[in-house]
N, C-alpha and C. Protein backbone atom coordinates (compact mmCIF):
# COMPACT_ATOMS: atom_id res chain seq x y z
N MET A 1 20.44 -35.22 27.32
CA MET A 1 20.40 -35.17 25.88
C MET A 1 19.06 -34.62 25.39
N VAL A 2 17.97 -35.09 26.01
CA VAL A 2 16.65 -34.63 25.63
C VAL A 2 16.50 -33.14 25.96
N ASP A 3 17.06 -32.74 27.10
CA ASP A 3 16.97 -31.33 27.49
C ASP A 3 17.70 -30.42 26.50
N SER A 4 18.82 -30.88 25.96
CA SER A 4 19.55 -30.05 25.00
C SER A 4 18.77 -29.91 23.69
N PHE A 5 18.08 -30.99 23.26
CA PHE A 5 17.25 -30.90 22.05
C PHE A 5 16.04 -29.99 22.29
N ARG A 6 15.49 -30.06 23.47
CA ARG A 6 14.35 -29.20 23.81
C ARG A 6 14.79 -27.73 23.81
N LEU A 7 15.95 -27.45 24.39
CA LEU A 7 16.48 -26.10 24.41
C LEU A 7 16.78 -25.61 22.99
N LEU A 8 17.34 -26.49 22.17
CA LEU A 8 17.62 -26.13 20.78
C LEU A 8 16.33 -25.83 20.02
N GLY A 9 15.29 -26.62 20.24
CA GLY A 9 14.00 -26.39 19.58
C GLY A 9 13.36 -25.09 20.02
N ILE A 10 13.42 -24.81 21.31
CA ILE A 10 12.85 -23.56 21.82
C ILE A 10 13.62 -22.36 21.27
N THR A 11 14.93 -22.47 21.22
CA THR A 11 15.76 -21.38 20.69
C THR A 11 15.48 -21.16 19.21
N ALA A 12 15.35 -22.22 18.44
CA ALA A 12 15.06 -22.11 17.01
C ALA A 12 13.68 -21.49 16.78
N ALA A 13 12.70 -21.91 17.56
CA ALA A 13 11.35 -21.36 17.42
C ALA A 13 11.33 -19.88 17.80
N LEU A 14 12.01 -19.52 18.86
CA LEU A 14 12.07 -18.13 19.28
C LEU A 14 12.76 -17.27 18.23
N GLY A 15 13.86 -17.76 17.69
CA GLY A 15 14.58 -17.03 16.64
C GLY A 15 13.73 -16.84 15.40
N THR A 16 13.00 -17.87 15.01
CA THR A 16 12.11 -17.78 13.85
C THR A 16 11.01 -16.76 14.08
N MET A 17 10.46 -16.74 15.29
CA MET A 17 9.39 -15.78 15.59
C MET A 17 9.92 -14.35 15.59
N ILE A 18 11.12 -14.15 16.10
CA ILE A 18 11.71 -12.81 16.13
C ILE A 18 11.97 -12.32 14.70
N ILE A 19 12.50 -13.18 13.86
CA ILE A 19 12.75 -12.80 12.47
C ILE A 19 11.44 -12.51 11.74
N ALA A 20 10.44 -13.34 11.92
CA ALA A 20 9.15 -13.12 11.26
C ALA A 20 8.50 -11.83 11.73
N ALA A 21 8.57 -11.55 13.01
CA ALA A 21 7.99 -10.31 13.54
C ALA A 21 8.75 -9.10 13.02
N GLY A 22 10.05 -9.21 12.91
CA GLY A 22 10.85 -8.11 12.40
C GLY A 22 10.56 -7.82 10.95
N LEU A 23 10.43 -8.86 10.14
CA LEU A 23 10.15 -8.67 8.72
C LEU A 23 8.74 -8.13 8.49
N SER A 24 7.79 -8.59 9.24
CA SER A 24 6.42 -8.12 9.05
C SER A 24 6.25 -6.69 9.56
N GLY A 25 7.03 -6.31 10.54
CA GLY A 25 6.93 -4.96 11.08
C GLY A 25 7.60 -3.91 10.22
N CYS A 26 8.52 -4.31 9.38
CA CYS A 26 9.25 -3.33 8.56
C CYS A 26 8.33 -2.61 7.59
N SER A 27 7.38 -3.29 7.02
CA SER A 27 6.52 -2.65 6.03
C SER A 27 5.55 -1.67 6.67
N SER A 28 5.23 -1.88 7.92
CA SER A 28 4.26 -0.98 8.55
C SER A 28 4.93 0.24 9.18
N ILE A 29 6.24 0.21 9.33
CA ILE A 29 6.93 1.34 9.95
C ILE A 29 7.00 2.51 8.99
N SER A 30 7.45 2.28 7.78
CA SER A 30 7.58 3.38 6.82
C SER A 30 6.83 3.02 5.56
N SER A 31 5.65 3.51 5.45
CA SER A 31 4.84 3.27 4.27
C SER A 31 4.59 4.60 3.58
N ASP A 32 5.15 4.76 2.39
CA ASP A 32 4.96 6.00 1.66
C ASP A 32 3.97 5.83 0.52
N HIS A 33 3.22 4.75 0.55
CA HIS A 33 2.24 4.49 -0.49
C HIS A 33 0.87 5.01 -0.06
N VAL A 34 0.23 5.76 -0.94
CA VAL A 34 -1.10 6.28 -0.67
C VAL A 34 -2.08 5.51 -1.54
N ASP A 35 -3.13 4.96 -0.95
CA ASP A 35 -4.14 4.23 -1.69
C ASP A 35 -5.06 5.24 -2.37
N CYS A 36 -4.93 5.38 -3.69
CA CYS A 36 -5.70 6.39 -4.42
C CYS A 36 -7.19 6.07 -4.45
N ASN A 37 -7.56 4.81 -4.28
CA ASN A 37 -8.98 4.48 -4.21
C ASN A 37 -9.61 5.08 -2.96
N VAL A 38 -8.88 5.05 -1.86
CA VAL A 38 -9.37 5.65 -0.62
C VAL A 38 -9.48 7.17 -0.79
N VAL A 39 -8.46 7.75 -1.43
CA VAL A 39 -8.47 9.20 -1.66
C VAL A 39 -9.66 9.59 -2.54
N LYS A 40 -9.91 8.80 -3.58
CA LYS A 40 -11.02 9.09 -4.49
C LYS A 40 -12.36 9.04 -3.75
N LEU A 41 -12.55 8.01 -2.93
CA LEU A 41 -13.80 7.88 -2.19
C LEU A 41 -13.98 9.02 -1.19
N GLN A 42 -12.89 9.39 -0.52
CA GLN A 42 -12.97 10.48 0.45
C GLN A 42 -13.25 11.81 -0.25
N ALA A 43 -12.64 12.02 -1.41
CA ALA A 43 -12.85 13.26 -2.16
C ALA A 43 -14.29 13.33 -2.67
N GLU A 44 -14.83 12.19 -3.09
CA GLU A 44 -16.22 12.17 -3.55
C GLU A 44 -17.20 12.47 -2.42
N SER A 45 -16.79 12.17 -1.20
CA SER A 45 -17.67 12.45 -0.06
C SER A 45 -17.54 13.90 0.41
N GLY A 46 -16.66 14.67 -0.24
CA GLY A 46 -16.59 16.09 0.07
C GLY A 46 -15.45 16.52 0.96
N ARG A 47 -14.52 15.63 1.27
CA ARG A 47 -13.40 16.00 2.13
C ARG A 47 -12.30 16.67 1.31
N THR A 48 -11.61 17.60 1.93
CA THR A 48 -10.52 18.30 1.26
C THR A 48 -9.25 17.44 1.31
N ASP A 49 -8.26 17.83 0.50
CA ASP A 49 -7.00 17.09 0.48
C ASP A 49 -6.32 17.11 1.85
N SER A 50 -6.38 18.23 2.54
CA SER A 50 -5.74 18.29 3.85
C SER A 50 -6.45 17.40 4.87
N GLU A 51 -7.76 17.32 4.78
CA GLU A 51 -8.51 16.42 5.69
C GLU A 51 -8.18 14.97 5.39
N ILE A 52 -8.10 14.63 4.10
CA ILE A 52 -7.79 13.26 3.70
C ILE A 52 -6.38 12.90 4.15
N ALA A 53 -5.44 13.81 3.92
CA ALA A 53 -4.04 13.56 4.30
C ALA A 53 -3.93 13.34 5.81
N SER A 54 -4.64 14.12 6.57
CA SER A 54 -4.60 13.97 8.02
C SER A 54 -5.21 12.64 8.44
N ALA A 55 -6.27 12.22 7.77
CA ALA A 55 -6.95 10.98 8.15
C ALA A 55 -6.13 9.74 7.83
N ILE A 56 -5.38 9.76 6.72
CA ILE A 56 -4.63 8.56 6.34
C ILE A 56 -3.15 8.65 6.70
N GLY A 57 -2.74 9.77 7.29
CA GLY A 57 -1.35 9.91 7.73
C GLY A 57 -0.37 10.13 6.59
N ALA A 58 -0.79 10.84 5.57
CA ALA A 58 0.07 11.12 4.42
C ALA A 58 0.22 12.62 4.25
N SER A 59 1.09 13.02 3.34
CA SER A 59 1.24 14.45 3.07
C SER A 59 0.19 14.90 2.06
N VAL A 60 -0.09 16.19 2.04
CA VAL A 60 -1.07 16.74 1.12
C VAL A 60 -0.59 16.56 -0.33
N ASP A 61 0.72 16.64 -0.55
CA ASP A 61 1.27 16.44 -1.90
C ASP A 61 1.02 15.02 -2.40
N ASP A 62 1.18 14.02 -1.51
CA ASP A 62 0.92 12.64 -1.91
C ASP A 62 -0.55 12.42 -2.23
N VAL A 63 -1.42 13.06 -1.48
CA VAL A 63 -2.86 12.94 -1.74
C VAL A 63 -3.19 13.62 -3.07
N ALA A 64 -2.57 14.76 -3.34
CA ALA A 64 -2.85 15.50 -4.57
C ALA A 64 -2.42 14.72 -5.81
N LYS A 65 -1.40 13.87 -5.68
CA LYS A 65 -0.96 13.06 -6.82
C LYS A 65 -2.04 12.09 -7.29
N CYS A 66 -2.96 11.74 -6.41
CA CYS A 66 -4.02 10.80 -6.77
C CYS A 66 -5.09 11.45 -7.63
N HIS A 67 -5.10 12.75 -7.75
CA HIS A 67 -6.13 13.42 -8.54
C HIS A 67 -5.77 13.52 -10.01
N GLY A 68 -4.63 12.96 -10.41
CA GLY A 68 -4.21 13.00 -11.80
C GLY A 68 -5.09 12.13 -12.67
N ALA A 69 -4.70 11.99 -13.93
CA ALA A 69 -5.47 11.18 -14.87
C ALA A 69 -5.48 9.73 -14.44
N GLU A 70 -6.59 9.08 -14.68
CA GLU A 70 -6.72 7.67 -14.31
C GLU A 70 -5.85 6.83 -15.22
N LYS A 71 -5.10 5.91 -14.63
CA LYS A 71 -4.17 5.11 -15.40
C LYS A 71 -4.65 3.68 -15.61
N SER A 72 -5.80 3.35 -15.12
CA SER A 72 -6.30 2.00 -15.29
C SER A 72 -7.70 2.05 -15.89
N GLY A 73 -8.21 0.93 -16.25
CA GLY A 73 -9.54 0.89 -16.83
C GLY A 73 -9.49 1.03 -18.34
N ASN A 74 -10.62 1.30 -18.95
CA ASN A 74 -10.72 1.37 -20.40
C ASN A 74 -10.87 2.80 -20.90
N LYS A 75 -10.30 3.76 -20.21
CA LYS A 75 -10.44 5.16 -20.59
C LYS A 75 -9.87 5.42 -21.97
N SER A 76 -8.76 4.78 -22.31
CA SER A 76 -8.12 5.06 -23.59
C SER A 76 -8.16 3.87 -24.53
N SER A 77 -9.09 2.96 -24.35
CA SER A 77 -9.14 1.78 -25.21
C SER A 77 -9.56 2.12 -26.62
N GLY A 78 -10.16 3.30 -26.83
CA GLY A 78 -10.50 3.72 -28.18
C GLY A 78 -9.28 3.99 -29.02
N ASP A 79 -8.14 4.24 -28.39
CA ASP A 79 -6.91 4.49 -29.12
C ASP A 79 -6.32 3.21 -29.68
N ALA A 80 -6.82 2.07 -29.29
CA ALA A 80 -6.27 0.80 -29.76
C ALA A 80 -6.59 0.57 -31.23
N VAL A 81 -7.69 1.13 -31.71
CA VAL A 81 -8.10 0.98 -33.09
C VAL A 81 -7.94 2.32 -33.79
N PRO A 82 -7.07 2.44 -34.77
CA PRO A 82 -6.90 3.73 -35.43
C PRO A 82 -8.14 4.12 -36.24
N ASN A 83 -8.31 5.41 -36.44
CA ASN A 83 -9.46 5.92 -37.17
C ASN A 83 -9.17 6.05 -38.67
N ALA A 84 -8.28 5.27 -39.18
CA ALA A 84 -7.93 5.33 -40.59
C ALA A 84 -8.98 4.60 -41.43
N PRO A 85 -9.22 5.10 -42.65
CA PRO A 85 -10.18 4.39 -43.52
C PRO A 85 -9.63 3.03 -43.96
N TYR A 86 -10.54 2.10 -44.20
CA TYR A 86 -10.11 0.74 -44.56
C TYR A 86 -10.33 0.51 -46.01
């Protein structure tokens, strides 16, 4: 009886580890996300888009998308207050 519980516990633990390893590995297999902060830092250091793409394993088109207008920060916070007279 004890041996069957031990076998059941080992089987459950093994199954849980296989599922956890499978789920954690899925995100690293196909990652199409490019970290634009890395691209910005590499571009500031003088590397070309093709060099950056080769270094991070992305396409040159994906790297080029990071050179667009900045979408975060306070770049457009002046638009929050209209310039109308009061």
